[in-house]
Amino acid sequence: MALFARSMPSGLLAASRELTKAIVRQSHEQVVYKGQNIPFNVANYRAFAVKMTLFLAVPFAVPFIIVRYQLKKSSGQY
């Protein structure tokens, strides 16, 4: 990298440094409160707990419900 930097004209090198500094300055944001960097709202903890329980429990239960249905269907109860 140092060899590449030596071969660049000094004006171009300075411009690239300034551009890099500007990008880094704009990319950093101040985190004001806990949970600000996640894509969902956690302000209401009870609603969040219900939503997460449903989100995790329903996909987990679906295979068991399907197997139960298939077993009952094969035994003639449905």
Protein backbone atom coordinates (compact mmCIF):
# COMPACT_ATOMS: atom_id res chain seq x y z
CA MET A 1 0.00 0.00 0.00
CA ALA A 2 2.85 2.38 0.79
CA LEU A 3 4.36 1.78 -2.66
CA PHE A 4 1.02 2.65 -4.24
CA ALA A 5 0.73 5.80 -2.12
CA ARG A 6 4.22 6.94 -3.17
CA SER A 7 3.37 6.58 -6.86
CA MET A 8 0.18 8.71 -6.58
CA PRO A 9 0.36 12.47 -7.14
CA SER A 10 0.22 14.37 -3.86
CA GLY A 11 -2.97 16.25 -4.78
CA LEU A 12 -4.81 13.04 -5.52
CA LEU A 13 -3.56 11.48 -2.30
CA ALA A 14 -4.77 14.46 -0.25
CA ALA A 15 -8.15 14.41 -2.00
CA SER A 16 -8.58 10.72 -1.29
CA ARG A 17 -7.73 11.27 2.39
CA GLU A 18 -10.30 14.07 2.65
CA LEU A 19 -12.92 11.92 0.96
CA THR A 20 -12.20 9.06 3.34
CA LYS A 21 -12.46 11.37 6.35
CA ALA A 22 -15.78 12.77 5.11
CA ILE A 23 -17.23 9.30 4.60
CA VAL A 24 -16.16 8.17 8.07
CA ARG A 25 -17.58 11.32 9.69
CA GLN A 26 -20.95 10.84 8.01
CA SER A 27 -21.17 7.12 8.75
CA HIS A 28 -21.00 7.43 12.54
CA GLU A 29 -24.24 8.19 14.35
CA GLN A 30 -24.74 8.85 18.02
CA VAL A 31 -26.69 6.06 19.75
CA VAL A 32 -29.06 7.87 22.08
CA TYR A 33 -30.90 4.99 23.76
CA LYS A 34 -30.66 1.24 24.10
CA GLY A 35 -32.29 -0.61 21.21
CA GLN A 36 -32.04 2.20 18.68
CA ASN A 37 -29.93 0.16 16.27
CA ILE A 38 -32.42 -2.70 15.80
CA PRO A 39 -35.15 -2.66 13.13
CA PHE A 40 -38.11 -3.11 15.48
CA ASN A 41 -39.65 -1.25 18.39
CA VAL A 42 -38.95 -2.50 21.92
CA ALA A 43 -40.53 0.40 23.80
CA ASN A 44 -43.52 -1.72 24.91
CA TYR A 45 -41.90 -4.79 26.47
CA ARG A 46 -45.10 -6.82 26.88
CA ALA A 47 -46.17 -6.37 23.26
CA PHE A 48 -42.64 -7.18 22.16
CA ALA A 49 -42.66 -10.37 24.27
CA VAL A 50 -45.99 -11.50 22.79
CA LYS A 51 -44.83 -10.80 19.24
CA MET A 52 -41.52 -12.61 19.72
CA THR A 53 -43.26 -15.59 21.34
CA LEU A 54 -45.63 -15.89 18.40
CA PHE A 55 -42.82 -15.34 15.91
CA LEU A 56 -40.76 -18.16 17.43
CA ALA A 57 -43.51 -20.55 18.61
CA VAL A 58 -45.67 -20.78 15.49
CA PRO A 59 -42.92 -21.98 13.10
CA PHE A 60 -41.71 -24.41 15.76
CA ALA A 61 -45.21 -25.88 16.23
CA VAL A 62 -46.16 -26.26 12.54
CA PRO A 63 -44.24 -29.52 11.90
CA PHE A 64 -45.79 -31.14 14.99
CA ILE A 65 -49.29 -30.09 13.90
CA ILE A 66 -48.67 -31.49 10.41
CA VAL A 67 -47.43 -34.83 11.79
CA ARG A 68 -50.45 -35.08 14.12
CA TYR A 69 -52.80 -34.39 11.21
CA GLN A 70 -51.09 -37.00 9.02
CA LEU A 71 -51.22 -39.65 11.78
CA LYS A 72 -54.91 -39.02 12.45
CA LYS A 73 -55.67 -39.06 8.73
CA SER A 74 -53.93 -42.41 8.27
CA SER A 75 -55.79 -43.94 11.21
CA GLY A 76 -59.15 -42.87 9.76
CA GLN A 77 -60.14 -40.29 12.35
CA TYR A 78 -60.28 -37.42 9.83
